[in-house]
Amino acid sequence: MSVQQGQATARAEDTDPSSASSVSSEEPAAGPTPEAQSPETPETASESASEAAERARTLEALRSNIGSLSTVTLRRLDSALPWYRHLRPDERSALGLVAQKGIASFVTWYEKPGNPAWVMSDVFGTAPTELTRSISLQKALQLIRIVVDTVEQRVPDLAAEPEQPALREAVLRYSREVAFAAADVYARAAETRGSWDTRLEALVVDGILRGESPDSLRSRIAALGWSSKAEVTVVVGAAPPDPHPAYLSGLRRTTKRLAEDTLVGIQSDRLLLLLGGLRDRETALVKLAPVFGDGPIVHAGPAASLVDAGPAAQAAFSGLAAARAWPDAPRPVAADDLWPERLMAGDDAARRALVRAIYRPLTSSSNGLLETLSAYLGLGHSLEATARSLFVHTNTVRYRLRKVTDVTGWDPLVPREAFVLQTALVAGRLDAGVGGADAAAPRSADRAVL
């Protein structure tokens, strides 16, 4: 009975027009309406085909004119850029190849514009790395400008009038990509060169400190680009504990204003500067003090050249190690002013320097300078006691002490310099043996000095 009722209801719904209308209103037909459809008209298809044909003709014209564009570009480079005419033949050839590759790559890019990442390798891949040293980025951009200008001037000959704006826009976009690629090439070359120069600089500094043969040092120094022919000053001190990333570049800018050439070496917690052609030495050394960390700063030299700077560097490091024995030392202080401290620390070079610069000139001089100095130092720096000990007048003692200053460069009336002179007497007597040239000095003075 229920099945028959359901069939009857279904027949009623099929024949009821109001029911059909309600269903159609609730469930509209899927798909776009005829008004929403916009089929391609014959005019639109004709315009697209015409644009494609114009672009194809332009592309064909570009392909057939690559040679002539390259020839005109090379002529303009030679006439418009004076530096281009003075290049070596191999450099001119490399730059000409870059220009030709740039034009050929533009044709490929114009056909299929897309990701420009390949521009760097396609245009600059054939150029030797050394070209970035002889040709600056500014000159490279001048070359790119000539190439772009040459192609842009030939646009009316290469494309029909409707296609010319698109071609000009393509030239400008491509020139932008080539300029960025050139900047990237030079940036990478600078980073590589900077890393190499830093390693080479460290090798040169290490070779100078270890006293390597002059021939090997000269080749490395030449590769590093050291050009100064002036004397070299060595300055050592503590390196800053936590130098910021721009520390080295700031240090080089500072030294560039004060010297002709600079080598920088950072060895653990120590900073070493090799300064060629230091201008206004005393003032420059004071201005360099802030680039060092806390603690003493010692300078040595000047050496005749960078190759000969090894002994000066060793003296500076020896002075740095011994400087703590002189708390009131100036900052910076000369390594020669630290002769006594260096001698007591076991520096044989300081001992030899004291004997050579002070003791031997005094022994070879006349007027009893060595005897007078020994007595003066041994008798508590008293002029009267020295005069009585030597049976001379006090003015005679003063005169002889002034002569000591003239002969050695150290003034016995200044306490610190008197200490240097006294150390020189000790070193000289040990070198020559007790009972040598100054045996006539009073015994009390010998005891005091020794």
Protein backbone atom coordinates (compact mmCIF):
# COMPACT_ATOMS: atom_id res chain seq x y z
CA MET A 1 0.00 0.00 0.00
CA SER A 2 2.84 2.42 0.79
CA VAL A 3 4.64 1.61 -2.46
CA GLN A 4 1.60 2.49 -4.53
CA GLN A 5 1.20 5.78 -2.67
CA GLY A 6 4.84 6.68 -3.37
CA GLN A 7 4.50 5.97 -7.09
CA ALA A 8 1.37 8.12 -7.21
CA THR A 9 3.15 10.99 -5.48
CA ALA A 10 6.04 10.80 -7.95
CA ARG A 11 3.63 10.91 -10.93
CA ALA A 12 1.99 13.94 -9.41
CA GLU A 13 5.24 15.78 -9.03
CA ASP A 14 6.22 14.98 -12.63
CA THR A 15 2.97 16.46 -13.94
CA ASP A 16 2.79 19.48 -11.58
CA PRO A 17 4.20 22.56 -13.33
CA SER A 18 4.41 24.59 -10.13
CA SER A 19 6.64 21.96 -8.60
CA ALA A 20 9.00 22.04 -11.58
CA SER A 21 9.25 25.82 -11.45
CA SER A 22 10.09 25.75 -7.76
CA VAL A 23 12.86 23.26 -8.34
CA SER A 24 14.36 25.29 -11.17
CA SER A 25 14.27 28.45 -9.06
CA GLU A 26 16.01 26.81 -6.12
CA GLU A 27 18.68 25.07 -8.20
CA PRO A 28 19.82 27.30 -11.06
CA ALA A 29 21.66 25.66 -13.92
CA ALA A 30 25.43 25.51 -13.60
CA GLY A 31 27.84 27.12 -16.05
CA PRO A 32 28.37 30.66 -17.37
CA THR A 33 25.62 32.62 -18.88
CA PRO A 34 25.83 33.49 -22.55
CA GLU A 35 26.50 37.14 -21.64
CA ALA A 36 29.53 36.16 -19.43
CA GLN A 37 31.28 34.27 -22.24
CA SER A 38 33.73 36.39 -24.29
CA PRO A 39 34.99 34.29 -27.16
CA GLU A 40 38.04 35.56 -29.07
CA THR A 41 36.93 37.69 -31.94
CA PRO A 42 38.59 37.56 -35.36
CA GLU A 43 39.95 41.09 -34.83
CA THR A 44 41.72 40.11 -31.56
CA ALA A 45 43.25 37.02 -33.10
CA SER A 46 44.46 39.09 -36.01
CA GLU A 47 46.13 41.63 -33.71
CA SER A 48 47.93 38.87 -31.70
CA ALA A 49 49.19 37.26 -34.86
CA SER A 50 50.39 40.62 -36.17
CA GLU A 51 52.30 41.38 -32.94
CA ALA A 52 53.93 37.94 -33.00
CA ALA A 53 54.95 38.46 -36.60
CA GLU A 54 56.45 41.88 -35.82
CA ARG A 55 58.41 40.44 -32.89
CA ALA A 56 59.67 37.58 -35.06
CA ARG A 57 60.86 40.06 -37.72
CA THR A 58 62.59 42.15 -35.02
CA LEU A 59 64.28 39.06 -33.60
CA GLU A 60 65.47 38.03 -37.04
CA ALA A 61 66.85 41.54 -37.64
CA LEU A 62 68.72 41.39 -34.34
CA ARG A 63 70.25 38.01 -35.23
CA SER A 64 71.37 39.18 -38.64
CA ASN A 65 72.92 42.40 -37.26
CA ILE A 66 74.95 40.97 -34.37
CA GLY A 67 78.17 41.29 -36.36
CA SER A 68 77.56 44.87 -37.47
CA LEU A 69 76.49 45.92 -33.96
CA SER A 70 79.69 44.42 -32.53
CA THR A 71 81.84 46.21 -35.12
CA VAL A 72 80.20 49.58 -34.46
CA THR A 73 80.51 49.05 -30.70
CA LEU A 74 84.26 48.32 -30.89
CA ARG A 75 84.81 51.43 -33.02
CA ARG A 76 82.94 53.58 -30.52
CA LEU A 77 84.91 52.11 -27.63
CA ASP A 78 88.13 53.06 -29.36
CA SER A 79 86.96 56.60 -30.14
CA ALA A 80 84.99 57.43 -27.00
CA LEU A 81 87.15 55.90 -24.23
CA PRO A 82 90.77 57.15 -24.09
CA TRP A 83 91.78 54.51 -21.55
CA TYR A 84 90.60 51.76 -23.91
CA ARG A 85 93.17 52.81 -26.53
CA HIS A 86 96.02 52.48 -24.01
CA LEU A 87 95.22 48.95 -22.93
CA ARG A 88 97.45 46.00 -23.75
CA PRO A 89 96.35 43.95 -26.79
CA ASP A 90 95.20 41.03 -24.63
CA GLU A 91 93.12 43.36 -22.44
CA ARG A 92 91.53 45.02 -25.49
CA SER A 93 90.72 41.61 -26.89
CA ALA A 94 89.14 40.45 -23.63
CA LEU A 95 87.00 43.60 -23.36
CA GLY A 96 85.96 43.35 -27.00
CA LEU A 97 84.87 39.77 -26.41
CA VAL A 98 82.82 40.89 -23.41
CA ALA A 99 81.08 43.52 -25.57
CA GLN A 100 80.32 41.01 -28.33
CA LYS A 101 79.01 38.45 -25.85
CA GLY A 102 76.82 41.14 -24.32
CA ILE A 103 75.15 41.86 -27.67
CA ALA A 104 74.72 38.18 -28.54
CA SER A 105 73.29 37.45 -25.09
CA PHE A 106 70.80 40.30 -25.48
CA VAL A 107 69.39 38.64 -28.62
CA THR A 108 68.96 35.37 -26.70
CA TRP A 109 67.40 37.20 -23.77
CA TYR A 110 65.03 39.15 -26.06
CA GLU A 111 63.79 35.91 -27.56
CA LYS A 112 63.12 34.29 -24.17
CA PRO A 113 63.11 36.89 -21.37
CA GLY A 114 63.18 35.26 -17.97
CA ASN A 115 65.46 34.78 -14.98
CA PRO A 116 68.55 36.96 -15.65
CA ALA A 117 70.84 34.96 -13.33
CA TRP A 118 72.68 33.50 -16.33
CA VAL A 119 73.74 36.95 -17.55
CA MET A 120 76.82 37.05 -15.28
CA SER A 121 78.27 33.77 -16.54
CA ASP A 122 77.20 34.29 -20.16
CA VAL A 123 78.55 37.83 -20.56
CA PHE A 124 81.51 37.85 -18.16
CA GLY A 125 82.37 34.16 -18.12
CA THR A 126 84.99 34.53 -20.87
CA ALA A 127 86.77 37.48 -19.22
CA PRO A 128 89.95 36.61 -17.30
CA THR A 129 89.91 37.25 -13.56
CA GLU A 130 92.95 39.54 -13.86
CA LEU A 131 90.82 41.96 -15.86
CA THR A 132 89.18 43.20 -12.66
CA ARG A 133 92.59 44.41 -11.47
CA SER A 134 93.46 46.43 -14.60
CA ILE A 135 89.91 47.60 -15.41
CA SER A 136 88.02 49.34 -12.63
CA LEU A 137 84.27 48.98 -12.11
CA GLN A 138 83.81 52.57 -13.29
CA LYS A 139 85.50 51.75 -16.59
CA ALA A 140 83.44 48.57 -16.97
CA LEU A 141 80.24 50.58 -16.55
CA GLN A 142 81.46 53.06 -19.17
CA LEU A 143 81.90 50.15 -21.56
CA ILE A 144 78.37 48.86 -20.83
CA ARG A 145 76.98 52.33 -21.46
CA ILE A 146 78.64 52.47 -24.90
CA VAL A 147 77.24 49.04 -25.83
CA VAL A 148 73.72 49.94 -24.71
CA ASP A 149 73.82 53.31 -26.47
CA THR A 150 74.98 51.68 -29.70
CA VAL A 151 72.12 49.16 -29.69
CA GLU A 152 69.58 51.83 -28.73
CA GLN A 153 70.62 54.07 -31.62
CA ARG A 154 70.04 51.20 -34.06
CA VAL A 155 66.51 50.48 -32.81
CA PRO A 156 64.80 52.27 -35.78
CA ASP A 157 66.78 50.06 -38.18
CA LEU A 158 66.05 46.86 -36.29
CA ALA A 159 62.32 47.09 -35.56
CA ALA A 160 59.17 48.44 -37.13
CA GLU A 161 57.66 51.51 -35.51
CA PRO A 162 55.03 49.64 -33.45
CA GLU A 163 57.74 47.33 -32.04
CA GLN A 164 60.32 50.04 -31.28
CA PRO A 165 59.05 51.02 -27.76
CA ALA A 166 59.11 47.37 -26.69
CA LEU A 167 62.63 46.91 -28.05
CA ARG A 168 63.89 50.05 -26.31
CA GLU A 169 62.37 48.88 -23.04
CA ALA A 170 64.03 45.50 -23.49
CA VAL A 171 67.41 47.18 -24.07
CA LEU A 172 67.05 49.21 -20.86
CA ARG A 173 65.99 46.18 -18.80
CA TYR A 174 68.84 44.10 -20.18
CA SER A 175 71.38 46.88 -19.51
CA ARG A 176 70.22 46.99 -15.90
CA GLU A 177 70.80 43.27 -15.51
CA VAL A 178 74.25 43.51 -17.11
CA ALA A 179 75.21 46.42 -14.82
CA PHE A 180 74.16 44.45 -11.74
CA ALA A 181 76.06 41.43 -13.03
CA ALA A 182 79.19 43.54 -13.52
CA ALA A 183 78.91 44.89 -9.98
CA ASP A 184 78.54 41.32 -8.71
CA VAL A 185 81.65 40.20 -10.62
CA TYR A 186 83.73 43.02 -9.18
CA ALA A 187 82.36 42.46 -5.66
CA ARG A 188 83.30 38.78 -5.77
CA ALA A 189 86.73 39.59 -7.18
CA ALA A 190 87.28 42.12 -4.40
CA GLU A 191 86.28 39.60 -1.74
CA THR A 192 88.58 36.95 -3.21
CA ARG A 193 91.42 39.42 -3.59
CA GLY A 194 90.88 40.70 -0.06
CA SER A 195 91.02 37.19 1.40
CA TRP A 196 94.13 36.37 -0.60
CA ASP A 197 95.83 39.65 0.31
CA THR A 198 95.07 39.04 4.00
CA ARG A 199 96.66 35.59 3.89
CA LEU A 200 99.65 36.90 1.93
CA GLU A 201 100.05 39.80 4.36
CA ALA A 202 100.11 37.36 7.28
CA LEU A 203 102.78 35.30 5.50
CA VAL A 204 104.94 38.38 4.88
CA VAL A 205 104.68 39.50 8.51
CA ASP A 206 105.52 36.00 9.72
CA GLY A 207 108.47 35.80 7.32
CA ILE A 208 109.85 39.12 8.56
CA LEU A 209 109.59 38.03 12.19
CA ARG A 210 111.26 34.69 11.49
CA GLY A 211 114.03 36.26 9.41
CA GLU A 212 113.35 34.49 6.13
CA SER A 213 115.68 34.95 3.17
CA PRO A 214 115.39 38.35 1.47
CA ASP A 215 114.69 36.80 -1.94
CA SER A 216 111.53 34.98 -0.83
CA LEU A 217 110.39 38.05 1.09
CA ARG A 218 110.89 40.32 -1.91
CA SER A 219 108.66 38.16 -4.13
CA ARG A 220 105.87 38.10 -1.56
CA ILE A 221 106.18 41.81 -0.87
CA ALA A 222 105.94 42.55 -4.59
CA ALA A 223 102.83 40.35 -4.90
CA LEU A 224 101.28 42.21 -1.98
CA GLY A 225 101.71 45.56 -3.73
CA TRP A 226 104.07 47.27 -1.26
CA SER A 227 105.38 50.32 -3.10
CA SER A 228 107.11 52.46 -0.47
CA LYS A 229 110.86 52.88 -0.85
CA ALA A 230 111.19 54.80 2.42
CA GLU A 231 112.33 53.56 5.82
CA VAL A 232 110.09 51.24 7.82
CA THR A 233 108.97 51.72 11.43
CA VAL A 234 107.68 48.81 13.51
CA VAL A 235 105.02 49.39 16.17
CA VAL A 236 103.69 46.64 18.46
CA GLY A 237 101.22 46.59 21.31
CA ALA A 238 98.16 44.82 22.62
CA ALA A 239 95.32 44.16 20.20
CA PRO A 240 91.83 45.29 21.22
CA PRO A 241 90.13 42.50 23.20
CA ASP A 242 86.98 42.39 21.05
CA PRO A 243 87.56 44.28 17.79
CA HIS A 244 84.40 45.07 15.85
CA PRO A 245 84.12 43.98 12.18
CA ALA A 246 85.09 47.41 10.86
CA TYR A 247 88.19 47.62 13.08
CA LEU A 248 90.74 46.61 10.44
CA SER A 249 89.31 48.87 7.74
CA GLY A 250 89.32 51.81 10.16
CA LEU A 251 92.89 50.97 11.20
CA ARG A 252 94.04 50.96 7.57
CA ARG A 253 92.35 54.30 6.91
CA THR A 254 94.15 55.78 9.91
CA THR A 255 97.57 54.47 8.89
CA LYS A 256 97.03 55.53 5.27
CA ARG A 257 96.86 59.16 6.42
CA LEU A 258 100.11 58.79 8.38
CA ALA A 259 102.30 56.52 6.21
CA GLU A 260 102.86 55.61 2.58
CA ASP A 261 102.35 51.85 3.08
CA THR A 262 101.19 49.63 5.93
CA LEU A 263 101.25 45.96 6.82
CA VAL A 264 99.03 44.79 9.68
CA GLY A 265 99.55 41.63 11.68
CA ILE A 266 97.35 40.40 14.52
CA GLN A 267 98.99 37.56 16.42
CA SER A 268 96.70 36.32 19.14
CA ASP A 269 96.49 39.28 21.56
CA ARG A 270 99.23 41.36 19.91
CA LEU A 271 98.97 43.91 17.13
CA LEU A 272 101.91 44.62 14.81
CA LEU A 273 102.16 47.53 12.36
CA LEU A 274 104.87 47.85 9.71
CA LEU A 275 104.76 51.45 8.48
CA GLY A 276 106.64 52.54 5.40
CA GLY A 277 107.41 56.23 4.92
CA LEU A 278 105.94 57.39 8.24
CA ARG A 279 105.30 61.13 8.08
CA ASP A 280 106.13 63.27 11.12
CA ARG A 281 107.26 60.24 13.10
CA GLU A 282 106.75 61.43 16.68
CA THR A 283 103.30 62.92 16.07
CA ALA A 284 102.18 59.94 13.99
CA LEU A 285 103.16 57.46 16.70
CA VAL A 286 101.08 59.34 19.25
CA LYS A 287 98.08 59.38 16.87
CA LEU A 288 98.37 55.61 16.42
CA ALA A 289 98.10 54.87 20.14
CA PRO A 290 94.26 54.73 20.22
CA VAL A 291 94.16 51.84 17.70
CA PHE A 292 95.90 49.56 20.23
CA GLY A 293 94.46 47.93 23.30
CA ASP A 294 95.47 48.68 26.88
CA GLY A 295 99.10 48.30 27.90
CA PRO A 296 102.48 49.45 26.59
CA ILE A 297 103.17 50.29 22.95
CA VAL A 298 106.72 49.85 21.65
CA HIS A 299 108.18 51.11 18.39
CA ALA A 300 111.51 50.25 16.78
CA GLY A 301 113.47 51.29 13.73
CA PRO A 302 113.46 52.82 11.31
CA ALA A 303 114.76 49.97 9.14
CA ALA A 304 116.19 50.65 5.70
CA SER A 305 113.43 48.66 3.95
CA LEU A 306 110.67 46.17 4.62
CA VAL A 307 113.05 43.29 3.91
CA ASP A 308 115.42 44.60 6.58
CA ALA A 309 112.69 45.13 9.20
CA GLY A 310 113.23 41.77 10.96
CA PRO A 311 115.66 42.96 13.66
CA ALA A 312 113.50 46.02 14.39
CA ALA A 313 110.41 43.82 14.77
CA GLN A 314 112.25 41.47 17.13
CA ALA A 315 113.48 44.43 19.17
CA ALA A 316 109.95 45.81 19.39
CA PHE A 317 108.52 42.51 20.61
CA SER A 318 111.37 42.13 23.11
CA GLY A 319 110.64 45.61 24.40
CA LEU A 320 106.93 44.82 24.66
CA ALA A 321 107.70 41.80 26.83
CA ALA A 322 110.04 43.79 29.10
CA ALA A 323 108.06 47.06 29.24
CA ARG A 324 106.16 46.05 32.36
CA ALA A 325 109.42 46.47 34.31
CA TRP A 326 109.19 50.23 33.63
CA PRO A 327 105.71 51.22 34.85
CA ASP A 328 106.21 54.90 34.07
CA ALA A 329 107.35 54.35 30.48
CA PRO A 330 105.83 56.73 27.92
CA ARG A 331 103.20 55.38 25.56
CA PRO A 332 104.45 54.69 22.95
CA VAL A 333 108.05 54.04 24.00
CA ALA A 334 111.09 53.31 21.84
CA ALA A 335 112.59 49.84 22.03
CA ASP A 336 116.04 51.45 22.53
CA ASP A 337 114.77 53.21 25.64
CA LEU A 338 114.07 49.77 27.09
CA TRP A 339 117.64 48.47 26.70
CA PRO A 340 118.12 47.86 30.46
CA GLU A 341 114.84 45.98 30.86
CA ARG A 342 115.45 43.96 27.70
CA LEU A 343 118.96 43.05 28.89
CA MET A 344 117.64 41.84 32.23
CA ALA A 345 114.98 39.81 30.40
CA GLY A 346 117.72 38.00 28.51
CA ASP A 347 117.74 39.88 25.18
CA ASP A 348 121.28 39.51 23.85
CA ALA A 349 120.59 42.05 21.11
CA ALA A 350 120.01 44.68 23.81
CA ARG A 351 123.32 43.78 25.46
CA ARG A 352 125.20 44.14 22.19
CA ALA A 353 123.44 47.43 21.47
CA LEU A 354 124.42 48.88 24.86
CA VAL A 355 128.05 47.88 24.38
CA ARG A 356 128.18 49.14 20.80
CA ALA A 357 126.30 52.43 21.31
CA ILE A 358 127.55 53.48 24.76
CA TYR A 359 130.43 51.50 26.26
CA ARG A 360 132.79 51.34 23.27
CA PRO A 361 132.45 55.03 22.33
CA LEU A 362 133.30 55.92 25.94
CA THR A 363 136.35 53.64 26.05
CA SER A 364 137.66 55.08 22.81
CA SER A 365 137.19 58.69 23.90
CA SER A 366 139.78 60.81 25.69
CA ASN A 367 139.58 63.07 28.74
CA GLY A 368 138.64 60.21 31.09
CA LEU A 369 134.95 60.15 30.23
CA LEU A 370 134.47 56.53 31.23
CA GLU A 371 136.25 57.01 34.57
CA THR A 372 134.29 60.16 35.35
CA LEU A 373 130.95 58.55 34.47
CA SER A 374 131.74 55.45 36.54
CA ALA A 375 132.69 57.54 39.56
CA TYR A 376 129.66 59.80 39.21
CA LEU A 377 127.25 56.86 39.05
CA GLY A 378 128.99 55.03 41.89
CA LEU A 379 129.04 58.00 44.24
CA GLY A 380 125.33 58.71 44.29
CA HIS A 381 125.30 61.17 41.36
CA SER A 382 127.21 63.73 43.44
CA LEU A 383 129.32 66.20 41.49
CA GLU A 384 131.39 67.23 44.53
CA ALA A 385 132.11 63.64 45.61
CA THR A 386 133.10 62.75 42.05
CA ALA A 387 135.43 65.76 41.84
CA ARG A 388 137.10 64.83 45.12
CA SER A 389 137.46 61.20 44.05
CA LEU A 390 139.13 62.18 40.77
CA PHE A 391 141.11 65.16 42.23
CA VAL A 392 139.59 67.55 39.71
CA HIS A 393 137.41 70.64 39.88
CA THR A 394 133.62 70.33 39.96
CA ASN A 395 133.34 72.23 36.67
CA THR A 396 135.65 69.64 35.09
CA VAL A 397 133.20 66.92 36.15
CA ARG A 398 130.33 68.89 34.64
CA TYR A 399 132.24 69.36 31.40
CA ARG A 400 133.06 65.65 31.14
CA LEU A 401 129.47 64.63 31.81
CA ARG A 402 128.32 66.96 29.03
CA LYS A 403 130.85 65.26 26.76
CA VAL A 404 129.37 61.89 27.78
CA THR A 405 126.01 63.17 26.54
CA ASP A 406 127.58 64.32 23.26
CA VAL A 407 129.32 60.97 22.70
CA THR A 408 126.49 58.60 23.69
CA GLY A 409 123.31 60.61 23.33
CA TRP A 410 122.33 59.84 26.95
CA ASP A 411 122.44 62.48 29.69
CA PRO A 412 123.82 61.20 33.03
CA LEU A 413 122.13 64.10 34.85
CA VAL A 414 118.69 62.65 33.98
CA PRO A 415 117.87 59.74 36.34
CA ARG A 416 116.36 57.44 33.73
CA GLU A 417 119.17 58.03 31.26
CA ALA A 418 121.73 57.59 34.00
CA PHE A 419 120.20 54.15 34.63
CA VAL A 420 120.70 53.29 30.95
CA LEU A 421 124.32 54.45 31.13
CA GLN A 422 124.92 52.44 34.27
CA THR A 423 123.49 49.31 32.62
CA ALA A 424 125.76 49.92 29.64
CA LEU A 425 128.79 50.01 31.93
CA VAL A 426 127.73 46.67 33.45
CA ALA A 427 127.22 45.11 30.01
CA GLY A 428 130.50 46.52 28.70
CA ARG A 429 132.55 45.26 31.64
CA LEU A 430 131.03 41.80 31.32
CA ASP A 431 131.78 41.87 27.63
CA ALA A 432 135.38 43.06 28.03
CA GLY A 433 136.19 41.41 31.38
CA VAL A 434 136.76 42.99 34.80
CA GLY A 435 139.92 45.06 35.01
CA GLY A 436 139.59 46.43 31.51
CA ALA A 437 139.64 49.96 30.27
CA ASP A 438 138.00 51.50 33.34
CA ALA A 439 140.12 49.73 35.99
CA ALA A 440 141.31 53.11 37.30
CA ALA A 441 137.82 53.94 38.59
CA PRO A 442 137.38 53.89 42.36
CA ARG A 443 136.58 50.57 43.94
CA SER A 444 133.42 51.90 45.55
CA ALA A 445 132.12 52.91 42.14
CA ASP A 446 132.83 49.44 40.75
CA ARG A 447 130.92 47.90 43.64
CA ALA A 448 128.02 50.23 43.17
CA VAL A 449 127.78 49.53 39.43
CA LEU A 450 128.34 45.81 39.62
